[in-house]
PDB file of all heavy atoms in Angstrom:
ATOM      1  N   PRO A   1     -91.236 -37.540  -5.706  1.00  0.00           N
ATOM      2  CA  PRO A   1     -90.044 -38.122  -5.796  1.00  0.00           C
ATOM      3  C   PRO A   1     -89.010 -37.075  -6.114  1.00  0.00           C
ATOM      4  O   PRO A   1     -89.302 -36.043  -6.847  1.00  0.00           O
ATOM      5  CB  PRO A   1     -90.113 -39.190  -6.708  1.00  0.00           C
ATOM      6  CG  PRO A   1     -91.320 -38.772  -7.601  1.00  0.00           C
ATOM      7  CD  PRO A   1     -92.234 -38.020  -6.648  1.00  0.00           C
ATOM      8  N   VAL A   2     -87.677 -37.251  -5.945  1.00  0.00           N
ATOM      9  CA  VAL A   2     -86.742 -36.252  -6.238  1.00  0.00           C
ATOM     10  C   VAL A   2     -85.580 -37.007  -7.028  1.00  0.00           C
ATOM     11  O   VAL A   2     -85.131 -38.058  -6.598  1.00  0.00           O
ATOM     12  CB  VAL A   2     -86.221 -35.622  -5.092  1.00  0.00           C
ATOM     13  CG1 VAL A   2     -84.919 -34.699  -5.482  1.00  0.00           C
ATOM     14  CG2 VAL A   2     -87.184 -34.724  -4.439  1.00  0.00           C
ATOM     15  N   VAL A   3     -85.198 -36.506  -8.244  1.00  0.00           N
ATOM     16  CA  VAL A   3     -84.006 -37.121  -8.973  1.00  0.00           C
ATOM     17  C   VAL A   3     -82.899 -36.210  -8.994  1.00  0.00           C
ATOM     18  O   VAL A   3     -83.069 -35.074  -9.240  1.00  0.00           O
ATOM     19  CB  VAL A   3     -84.525 -37.435 -10.396  1.00  0.00           C
ATOM     20  CG1 VAL A   3     -83.368 -37.800 -11.273  1.00  0.00           C
ATOM     21  CG2 VAL A   3     -85.607 -38.512 -10.487  1.00  0.00           C
ATOM     22  N   VAL A   4     -81.748 -36.694  -8.570  1.00  0.00           N
ATOM     23  CA  VAL A   4     -80.539 -36.021  -8.496  1.00  0.00           C
ATOM     24  C   VAL A   4     -79.485 -36.745  -9.369  1.00  0.00           C
ATOM     25  O   VAL A   4     -79.040 -37.841  -9.054  1.00  0.00           O
ATOM     26  CB  VAL A   4     -80.003 -35.876  -7.087  1.00  0.00           C
ATOM     27  CG1 VAL A   4     -78.581 -35.064  -7.007  1.00  0.00           C
ATOM     28  CG2 VAL A   4     -81.120 -35.226  -6.121  1.00  0.00           C
ATOM     29  N   THR A   5     -79.008 -35.977 -10.360  1.00  0.00           N
ATOM     30  CA  THR A   5     -77.965 -36.576 -11.295  1.00  0.00           C
ATOM     31  C   THR A   5     -76.537 -35.769 -11.022  1.00  0.00           C
ATOM     32  O   THR A   5     -76.667 -34.559 -10.953  1.00  0.00           O
ATOM     33  CB  THR A   5     -78.233 -36.525 -12.801  1.00  0.00           C
ATOM     34  OG1 THR A   5     -79.591 -37.186 -13.041  1.00  0.00           O
ATOM     35  CG2 THR A   5     -77.166 -37.043 -13.634  1.00  0.00           C
ATOM     36  N   PHE A   6     -75.632 -36.663 -10.855  1.00  0.00           N
ATOM     37  CA  PHE A   6     -74.264 -36.139 -10.576  1.00  0.00           C
ATOM     38  C   PHE A   6     -73.109 -37.010 -11.122  1.00  0.00           C
ATOM     39  O   PHE A   6     -73.387 -38.053 -11.460  1.00  0.00           O
ATOM     40  CB  PHE A   6     -74.142 -35.880  -8.960  1.00  0.00           C
ATOM     41  CG  PHE A   6     -74.206 -37.072  -8.190  1.00  0.00           C
ATOM     42  CD1 PHE A   6     -73.046 -37.835  -7.968  1.00  0.00           C
ATOM     43  CD2 PHE A   6     -75.383 -37.577  -7.687  1.00  0.00           C
ATOM     44  CE1 PHE A   6     -73.125 -38.933  -7.210  1.00  0.00           C
ATOM     45  CE2 PHE A   6     -75.404 -38.651  -6.879  1.00  0.00           C
ATOM     46  CZ  PHE A   6     -74.374 -39.352  -6.603  1.00  0.00           C
ATOM     47  N   THR A   7     -71.829 -36.558 -11.038  1.00  0.00           N
ATOM     48  CA  THR A   7     -70.837 -37.409 -11.557  1.00  0.00           C
ATOM     49  C   THR A   7     -69.670 -37.172 -10.660  1.00  0.00           C
ATOM     50  O   THR A   7     -69.393 -36.208 -10.095  1.00  0.00           O
ATOM     51  CB  THR A   7     -70.560 -36.938 -13.082  1.00  0.00           C
ATOM     52  OG1 THR A   7     -69.484 -37.914 -13.462  1.00  0.00           O
ATOM     53  CG2 THR A   7     -70.116 -35.450 -13.078  1.00  0.00           C
ATOM     54  N   THR A   8     -68.861 -38.244 -10.683  1.00  0.00           N
ATOM     55  CA  THR A   8     -67.586 -38.175 -10.062  1.00  0.00           C
ATOM     56  C   THR A   8     -66.505 -37.746 -11.016  1.00  0.00           C
ATOM     57  O   THR A   8     -65.259 -37.628 -10.572  1.00  0.00           O
ATOM     58  CB  THR A   8     -67.203 -39.569  -9.316  1.00  0.00           C
ATOM     59  OG1 THR A   8     -67.276 -40.563 -10.476  1.00  0.00           O
ATOM     60  CG2 THR A   8     -68.044 -39.968  -8.227  1.00  0.00           C
ATOM     61  N   GLY A   9     -66.958 -37.569 -12.162  1.00  0.00           N
ATOM     62  CA  GLY A   9     -66.043 -37.020 -13.161  1.00  0.00           C
ATOM     63  C   GLY A   9     -66.117 -35.550 -13.315  1.00  0.00           C
ATOM     64  O   GLY A   9     -66.600 -34.759 -12.474  1.00  0.00           O
ATOM     65  N   THR A  10     -65.716 -34.998 -14.446  1.00  0.00           N
ATOM     66  CA  THR A  10     -65.485 -33.467 -14.587  1.00  0.00           C
ATOM     67  C   THR A  10     -66.683 -32.855 -15.273  1.00  0.00           C
ATOM     68  O   THR A  10     -66.793 -31.631 -15.296  1.00  0.00           O
ATOM     69  CB  THR A  10     -64.266 -33.201 -15.412  1.00  0.00           C
ATOM     70  OG1 THR A  10     -64.266 -33.839 -16.699  1.00  0.00           O
ATOM     71  CG2 THR A  10     -62.929 -33.798 -14.692  1.00  0.00           C
ATOM     72  N   SER A  11     -67.525 -33.764 -15.899  1.00  0.00           N
ATOM     73  CA  SER A  11     -68.617 -33.068 -16.756  1.00  0.00           C
ATOM     74  C   SER A  11     -69.788 -34.071 -16.837  1.00  0.00           C
ATOM     75  O   SER A  11     -69.619 -35.248 -16.833  1.00  0.00           O
ATOM     76  CB  SER A  11     -68.138 -32.593 -18.187  1.00  0.00           C
ATOM     77  OG  SER A  11     -67.723 -33.633 -18.929  1.00  0.00           O
ATOM     78  N   LEU A  12     -71.019 -33.537 -17.158  1.00  0.00           N
ATOM     79  CA  LEU A  12     -72.158 -34.365 -17.409  1.00  0.00           C
ATOM     80  C   LEU A  12     -72.588 -34.268 -18.960  1.00  0.00           C
ATOM     81  O   LEU A  12     -72.298 -33.121 -19.504  1.00  0.00           O
ATOM     82  CB  LEU A  12     -73.325 -33.935 -16.472  1.00  0.00           C
ATOM     83  CG  LEU A  12     -73.182 -34.289 -15.059  1.00  0.00           C
ATOM     84  CD1 LEU A  12     -74.105 -33.602 -14.176  1.00  0.00           C
ATOM     85  CD2 LEU A  12     -73.460 -35.797 -14.915  1.00  0.00           C
ATOM     86  N   PRO A  13     -73.274 -35.240 -19.500  1.00  0.00           N
ATOM     87  CA  PRO A  13     -73.740 -35.066 -20.871  1.00  0.00           C
ATOM     88  C   PRO A  13     -74.665 -34.065 -21.024  1.00  0.00           C
ATOM     89  O   PRO A  13     -75.348 -33.723 -20.001  1.00  0.00           O
ATOM     90  CB  PRO A  13     -74.220 -36.424 -21.148  1.00  0.00           C
ATOM     91  CG  PRO A  13     -74.557 -37.115 -19.820  1.00  0.00           C
ATOM     92  CD  PRO A  13     -73.513 -36.494 -18.903  1.00  0.00           C
ATOM     93  N   ALA A  14     -74.857 -33.414 -22.200  1.00  0.00           N
ATOM     94  CA  ALA A  14     -75.803 -32.359 -22.310  1.00  0.00           C
ATOM     95  C   ALA A  14     -77.075 -32.699 -23.061  1.00  0.00           C
ATOM     96  O   ALA A  14     -77.888 -31.783 -23.190  1.00  0.00           O
ATOM     97  CB  ALA A  14     -75.101 -31.283 -23.182  1.00  0.00           C
ATOM     98  N   GLY A  15     -77.353 -33.933 -23.336  1.00  0.00           N
ATOM     99  CA  GLY A  15     -78.587 -34.245 -23.942  1.00  0.00           C
ATOM    100  C   GLY A  15     -79.825 -34.144 -23.056  1.00  0.00           C
ATOM    101  O   GLY A  15     -79.773 -34.184 -21.818  1.00  0.00           O
ATOM    102  N   THR A  16     -80.938 -33.754 -23.591  1.00  0.00           N
ATOM    103  CA  THR A  16     -82.204 -33.572 -22.947  1.00  0.00           C
ATOM    104  C   THR A  16     -83.278 -34.456 -23.627  1.00  0.00           C
ATOM    105  O   THR A  16     -83.272 -34.408 -24.980  1.00  0.00           O
ATOM    106  CB  THR A  16     -82.662 -32.213 -22.676  1.00  0.00           C
ATOM    107  OG1 THR A  16     -82.975 -31.557 -23.823  1.00  0.00           O
ATOM    108  CG2 THR A  16     -81.496 -31.450 -21.877  1.00  0.00           C
ATOM    109  N   VAL A  17     -84.296 -34.911 -22.970  1.00  0.00           N
ATOM    110  CA  VAL A  17     -85.494 -35.442 -23.535  1.00  0.00           C
ATOM    111  C   VAL A  17     -86.743 -34.903 -22.792  1.00  0.00           C
ATOM    112  O   VAL A  17     -86.691 -34.850 -21.551  1.00  0.00           O
ATOM    113  CB  VAL A  17     -85.443 -37.020 -23.400  1.00  0.00           C
ATOM    114  CG1 VAL A  17     -86.818 -37.704 -23.902  1.00  0.00           C
ATOM    115  CG2 VAL A  17     -84.377 -37.621 -24.029  1.00  0.00           C
ATOM    116  N   SER A  18     -87.643 -34.501 -23.517  1.00  0.00           N
ATOM    117  CA  SER A  18     -88.907 -33.800 -22.899  1.00  0.00           C
ATOM    118  C   SER A  18     -90.204 -34.303 -23.592  1.00  0.00           C
ATOM    119  O   SER A  18     -90.074 -34.758 -24.661  1.00  0.00           O
ATOM    120  CB  SER A  18     -88.710 -32.238 -22.991  1.00  0.00           C
ATOM    121  OG  SER A  18     -88.754 -31.913 -24.182  1.00  0.00           O
ATOM    122  N   GLY A  19     -91.192 -34.135 -22.805  1.00  0.00           N
ATOM    123  CA  GLY A  19     -92.567 -34.466 -23.385  1.00  0.00           C
ATOM    124  C   GLY A  19     -93.575 -34.162 -22.317  1.00  0.00           C
ATOM    125  O   GLY A  19     -93.384 -33.497 -21.372  1.00  0.00           O
ATOM    126  N   THR A  20     -94.726 -34.828 -22.473  1.00  0.00           N
ATOM    127  CA  THR A  20     -95.798 -34.765 -21.571  1.00  0.00           C
ATOM    128  C   THR A  20     -96.348 -36.119 -21.235  1.00  0.00           C
ATOM    129  O   THR A  20     -96.408 -37.136 -22.008  1.00  0.00           O
ATOM    130  CB  THR A  20     -96.952 -33.954 -22.126  1.00  0.00           C
ATOM    131  OG1 THR A  20     -96.494 -32.698 -22.564  1.00  0.00           O
ATOM    132  CG2 THR A  20     -98.150 -33.880 -21.337  1.00  0.00           C
ATOM    133  N   VAL A  21     -96.763 -36.496 -19.961  1.00  0.00           N
ATOM    134  CA  VAL A  21     -97.283 -37.627 -19.438  1.00  0.00           C
ATOM    135  C   VAL A  21     -98.860 -37.325 -19.095  1.00  0.00           C
ATOM    136  O   VAL A  21     -99.029 -36.350 -18.374  1.00  0.00           O
ATOM    137  CB  VAL A  21     -96.613 -38.096 -18.249  1.00  0.00           C
ATOM    138  CG1 VAL A  21     -97.452 -39.328 -17.654  1.00  0.00           C
ATOM    139  CG2 VAL A  21     -95.151 -38.572 -18.515  1.00  0.00           C
ATOM    140  N   LEU A  22     -99.660 -37.969 -19.720  1.00  0.00           N
ATOM    141  CA  LEU A  22    -101.162 -37.888 -19.481  1.00  0.00           C
ATOM    142  C   LEU A  22    -101.554 -38.976 -18.502  1.00  0.00           C
ATOM    143  O   LEU A  22    -101.109 -40.098 -18.474  1.00  0.00           O
ATOM    144  CB  LEU A  22    -101.990 -38.024 -20.723  1.00  0.00           C
ATOM    145  CG  LEU A  22    -101.648 -37.002 -21.869  1.00  0.00           C
ATOM    146  CD1 LEU A  22    -102.453 -37.291 -22.996  1.00  0.00           C
ATOM    147  CD2 LEU A  22    -101.925 -35.568 -21.312  1.00  0.00           C
ATOM    148  N   ASN A  23    -102.497 -38.623 -17.635  1.00  0.00           N
ATOM    149  CA  ASN A  23    -103.132 -39.512 -16.716  1.00  0.00           C
ATOM    150  C   ASN A  23    -104.629 -39.454 -16.911  1.00  0.00           C
ATOM    151  O   ASN A  23    -105.266 -38.622 -16.203  1.00  0.00           O
ATOM    152  CB  ASN A  23    -102.724 -39.279 -15.209  1.00  0.00           C
ATOM    153  CG  ASN A  23    -103.499 -40.250 -14.312  1.00  0.00           C
ATOM    154  OD1 ASN A  23    -104.036 -41.342 -14.747  1.00  0.00           O
ATOM    155  ND2 ASN A  23    -103.206 -40.098 -13.074  1.00  0.00           N
ATOM    156  N   PRO A  24    -105.305 -40.382 -17.897  1.00  0.00           N
ATOM    157  CA  PRO A  24    -106.767 -40.253 -18.038  1.00  0.00           C
ATOM    158  C   PRO A  24    -107.543 -40.290 -16.721  1.00  0.00           C
ATOM    159  O   PRO A  24    -108.693 -39.776 -16.776  1.00  0.00           O
ATOM    160  CB  PRO A  24    -106.873 -41.365 -19.006  1.00  0.00           C
ATOM    161  CG  PRO A  24    -105.613 -41.645 -19.668  1.00  0.00           C
ATOM    162  CD  PRO A  24    -104.531 -41.346 -18.601  1.00  0.00           C
ATOM    163  N   GLY A  25    -106.986 -40.880 -15.700  1.00  0.00           N
ATOM    164  CA  GLY A  25    -107.812 -41.194 -14.523  1.00  0.00           C
ATOM    165  C   GLY A  25    -107.481 -40.064 -13.493  1.00  0.00           C
ATOM    166  O   GLY A  25    -108.084 -40.154 -12.349  1.00  0.00           O
ATOM    167  N   GLY A  26    -106.717 -38.996 -13.842  1.00  0.00           N
ATOM    168  CA  GLY A  26    -106.384 -38.076 -12.822  1.00  0.00           C
ATOM    169  C   GLY A  26    -105.098 -37.241 -12.938  1.00  0.00           C
ATOM    170  O   GLY A  26    -104.746 -37.047 -14.140  1.00  0.00           O
ATOM    171  N   ASP A  27    -104.465 -36.942 -11.945  1.00  0.00           N
ATOM    172  CA  ASP A  27    -103.317 -35.960 -11.963  1.00  0.00           C
ATOM    173  C   ASP A  27    -102.075 -36.710 -12.276  1.00  0.00           C
ATOM    174  O   ASP A  27    -101.695 -37.729 -11.554  1.00  0.00           O
ATOM    175  CB  ASP A  27    -103.192 -35.283 -10.587  1.00  0.00           C
ATOM    176  CG  ASP A  27    -102.114 -34.263 -10.462  1.00  0.00           C
ATOM    177  OD1 ASP A  27    -101.322 -34.110 -11.509  1.00  0.00           O
ATOM    178  OD2 ASP A  27    -101.967 -33.566  -9.550  1.00  0.00           O
ATOM    179  N   PRO A  28    -101.239 -36.332 -13.295  1.00  0.00           N
ATOM    180  CA  PRO A  28    -100.042 -37.072 -13.686  1.00  0.00           C
ATOM    181  C   PRO A  28     -98.867 -36.678 -12.951  1.00  0.00           C
ATOM    182  O   PRO A  28     -97.693 -37.268 -12.950  1.00  0.00           O
ATOM    183  CB  PRO A  28     -99.793 -36.664 -15.152  1.00  0.00           C
ATOM    184  CG  PRO A  28    -100.377 -35.394 -15.234  1.00  0.00           C
ATOM    185  CD  PRO A  28    -101.579 -35.288 -14.404  1.00  0.00           C
ATOM    186  N   SER A  29     -98.974 -35.628 -12.062  1.00  0.00           N
ATOM    187  CA  SER A  29     -97.826 -35.170 -11.214  1.00  0.00           C
ATOM    188  C   SER A  29     -97.295 -36.225 -10.386  1.00  0.00           C
ATOM    189  O   SER A  29     -98.084 -37.168  -9.850  1.00  0.00           O
ATOM    190  CB  SER A  29     -98.096 -33.899 -10.410  1.00  0.00           C
ATOM    191  OG  SER A  29     -99.178 -34.125  -9.450  1.00  0.00           O
ATOM    192  N   ALA A  30     -95.989 -36.193  -9.966  1.00  0.00           N
ATOM    193  CA  ALA A  30     -95.300 -37.102  -9.161  1.00  0.00           C
ATOM    194  C   ALA A  30     -95.073 -38.494  -9.954  1.00  0.00           C
ATOM    195  O   ALA A  30     -94.683 -39.423  -9.341  1.00  0.00           O
ATOM    196  CB  ALA A  30     -95.983 -37.443  -7.835  1.00  0.00           C
ATOM    197  N   THR A  31     -95.287 -38.496 -11.261  1.00  0.00           N
ATOM    198  CA  THR A  31     -95.012 -39.598 -12.173  1.00  0.00           C
ATOM    199  C   THR A  31     -93.414 -39.483 -12.402  1.00  0.00           C
ATOM    200  O   THR A  31     -92.855 -38.508 -12.503  1.00  0.00           O
ATOM    201  CB  THR A  31     -95.737 -39.616 -13.416  1.00  0.00           C
ATOM    202  OG1 THR A  31     -97.106 -39.764 -13.151  1.00  0.00           O
ATOM    203  CG2 THR A  31     -95.216 -40.695 -14.387  1.00  0.00           C
ATOM    204  N   VAL A  32     -92.848 -40.651 -12.438  1.00  0.00           N
ATOM    205  CA  VAL A  32     -91.419 -40.769 -12.741  1.00  0.00           C
ATOM    206  C   VAL A  32     -91.177 -41.128 -14.239  1.00  0.00           C
ATOM    207  O   VAL A  32     -91.884 -42.098 -14.586  1.00  0.00           O
ATOM    208  CB  VAL A  32     -90.638 -41.744 -11.886  1.00  0.00           C
ATOM    209  CG1 VAL A  32     -89.229 -41.909 -12.302  1.00  0.00           C
ATOM    210  CG2 VAL A  32     -90.779 -41.366 -10.337  1.00  0.00           C
ATOM    211  N   VAL A  33     -90.429 -40.504 -14.937  1.00  0.00           N
ATOM    212  CA  VAL A  33     -90.022 -40.771 -16.302  1.00  0.00           C
ATOM    213  C   VAL A  33     -88.546 -41.332 -16.334  1.00  0.00           C
ATOM    214  O   VAL A  33     -87.746 -40.692 -15.763  1.00  0.00           O
ATOM    215  CB  VAL A  33     -90.209 -39.606 -17.208  1.00  0.00           C
ATOM    216  CG1 VAL A  33     -89.733 -40.068 -18.647  1.00  0.00           C
ATOM    217  CG2 VAL A  33     -91.609 -39.064 -17.341  1.00  0.00           C
ATOM    218  N   ALA A  34     -88.400 -42.531 -16.911  1.00  0.00           N
ATOM    219  CA  ALA A  34     -87.120 -43.153 -16.889  1.00  0.00           C
ATOM    220  C   ALA A  34     -86.638 -43.620 -18.329  1.00  0.00           C
ATOM    221  O   ALA A  34     -87.652 -43.916 -18.983  1.00  0.00           O
ATOM    222  CB  ALA A  34     -87.070 -44.305 -15.977  1.00  0.00           C
ATOM    223  N   LEU A  35     -85.638 -43.495 -18.665  1.00  0.00           N
ATOM    224  CA  LEU A  35     -85.008 -43.869 -19.915  1.00  0.00           C
ATOM    225  C   LEU A  35     -84.139 -45.181 -19.742  1.00  0.00           C
ATOM    226  O   LEU A  35     -83.091 -45.085 -19.120  1.00  0.00           O
ATOM    227  CB  LEU A  35     -84.217 -42.856 -20.578  1.00  0.00           C
ATOM    228  CG  LEU A  35     -84.788 -41.363 -20.794  1.00  0.00           C
ATOM    229  CD1 LEU A  35     -83.795 -40.393 -21.453  1.00  0.00           C
ATOM    230  CD2 LEU A  35     -86.186 -41.484 -21.480  1.00  0.00           C
ATOM    231  N   PHE A  36     -84.600 -46.251 -20.380  1.00  0.00           N
ATOM    232  CA  PHE A  36     -83.914 -47.491 -20.276  1.00  0.00           C
ATOM    233  C   PHE A  36     -83.174 -47.820 -21.560  1.00  0.00           C
ATOM    234  O   PHE A  36     -83.881 -47.762 -22.671  1.00  0.00           O
ATOM    235  CB  PHE A  36     -84.962 -48.596 -19.937  1.00  0.00           C
ATOM    236  CG  PHE A  36     -85.445 -48.706 -18.567  1.00  0.00           C
ATOM    237  CD1 PHE A  36     -86.524 -47.824 -18.160  1.00  0.00           C
ATOM    238  CD2 PHE A  36     -84.891 -49.378 -17.581  1.00  0.00           C
ATOM    239  CE1 PHE A  36     -87.108 -47.787 -16.845  1.00  0.00           C
ATOM    240  CE2 PHE A  36     -85.501 -49.485 -16.361  1.00  0.00           C
ATOM    241  CZ  PHE A  36     -86.593 -48.617 -16.041  1.00  0.00           C
ATOM    242  N   SER A  37     -81.966 -48.348 -21.591  1.00  0.00           N
ATOM    243  CA  SER A  37     -81.348 -48.803 -22.717  1.00  0.00           C
ATOM    244  C   SER A  37     -81.838 -50.222 -22.935  1.00  0.00           C
ATOM    245  O   SER A  37     -81.760 -50.729 -24.215  1.00  0.00           O
ATOM    246  CB  SER A  37     -79.850 -48.790 -22.475  1.00  0.00           C
ATOM    247  OG  SER A  37     -79.271 -49.562 -21.460  1.00  0.00           O
ATOM    248  N   ASP A  38     -82.348 -50.972 -21.960  1.00  0.00           N
ATOM    249  CA  ASP A  38     -82.804 -52.230 -22.113  1.00  0.00           C
ATOM    250  C   ASP A  38     -83.949 -52.373 -20.988  1.00  0.00           C
ATOM    251  O   ASP A  38     -83.822 -52.148 -19.836  1.00  0.00           O
ATOM    252  CB  ASP A  38     -81.813 -53.299 -21.786  1.00  0.00           C
ATOM    253  CG  ASP A  38     -82.295 -54.819 -22.251  1.00  0.00           C
ATOM    254  OD1 ASP A  38     -83.464 -54.998 -21.893  1.00  0.00           O
ATOM    255  OD2 ASP A  38     -81.396 -55.580 -22.536  1.00  0.00           O
ATOM    256  N   LEU A  39     -85.164 -52.808 -21.504  1.00  0.00           N
ATOM    257  CA  LEU A  39     -86.286 -52.817 -20.588  1.00  0.00           C
ATOM    258  C   LEU A  39     -86.342 -54.067 -19.649  1.00  0.00           C
ATOM    259  O   LEU A  39     -86.959 -54.027 -18.660  1.00  0.00           O
ATOM    260  CB  LEU A  39     -87.541 -52.896 -21.412  1.00  0.00           C
ATOM    261  CG  LEU A  39     -88.124 -51.722 -22.033  1.00  0.00           C
ATOM    262  CD1 LEU A  39     -89.400 -52.011 -22.920  1.00  0.00           C
ATOM    263  CD2 LEU A  39     -88.310 -50.604 -21.024  1.00  0.00           C
ATOM    264  N   PHE A  40     -85.426 -54.984 -19.962  1.00  0.00           N
ATOM    265  CA  PHE A  40     -85.421 -56.329 -19.288  1.00  0.00           C
ATOM    266  C   PHE A  40     -84.235 -56.544 -18.425  1.00  0.00           C
ATOM    267  O   PHE A  40     -84.098 -57.504 -17.672  1.00  0.00           O
ATOM    268  CB  PHE A  40     -85.791 -57.455 -20.073  1.00  0.00           C
ATOM    269  CG  PHE A  40     -87.053 -57.323 -20.778  1.00  0.00           C
ATOM    270  CD1 PHE A  40     -87.267 -56.645 -21.924  1.00  0.00           C
ATOM    271  CD2 PHE A  40     -88.126 -57.879 -20.127  1.00  0.00           C
ATOM    272  CE1 PHE A  40     -88.518 -56.687 -22.519  1.00  0.00           C
ATOM    273  CE2 PHE A  40     -89.518 -57.858 -20.652  1.00  0.00           C
ATOM    274  CZ  PHE A  40     -89.751 -57.207 -21.890  1.00  0.00           C
TER     275      PHE A  40
END
């Protein structure tokens, strides 16, 4: 999958979040990580 972040404004926020995703059953690549302000 491919994620593209862009803005119709003049700038983007500078915050970053990083970590590691494990897949005990195999390869974690192609997993999507999403940040929700509300899960529901």
